[in-house]
């Protein structure tokens, strides 16, 4: 009886090693650069169609910039603001329009507005594919946060079918 338990344990041990190893390394999905460029271009075009001069940033899931587009007359502050919006959306796993609404001065979450490098203005949206956040897009320079958000969403919508097919 004791020998059979030992035998079972010796056979089961090598089979269970891959299960233990799964916790040691993590795999991430990242957006391909050409898809990031397609998102940025579509978002920029959406804003142009509305008469807005903006900057559009696409960051990877870690918040590192993949693409930055700045229209001719977009303000000097807009590239950095767009990057920070995109990174904020990825970091908080929520669009910045919602974050802005949830972090008003009388909110229990208002302290989030003081986190260095974050931007709590509408225009940043996380990009998801197959249930994973793969990127973030940020648009800055439109007349309102809602306008920026709309342009960012248009950029994502331009590639959504492609992202769904990849999953």
Foldseek 3Di string as FASTA:
>chain_A
DVVVVVVVCVVVVVVCVVVVCVVVDDDDAADDLVLQVQLQVQLCVLCVVVVWFKKKFKFWLQLHTSDIDGGDPADPCRRLLFSQQQSQCSVVVAHLQVVLVQQPPPHPNVCVCVPPSHDNFAQKHFADAPRDGTMMMGMDTDPGSVSNNVSSVSSNVSCVVVRHVVD
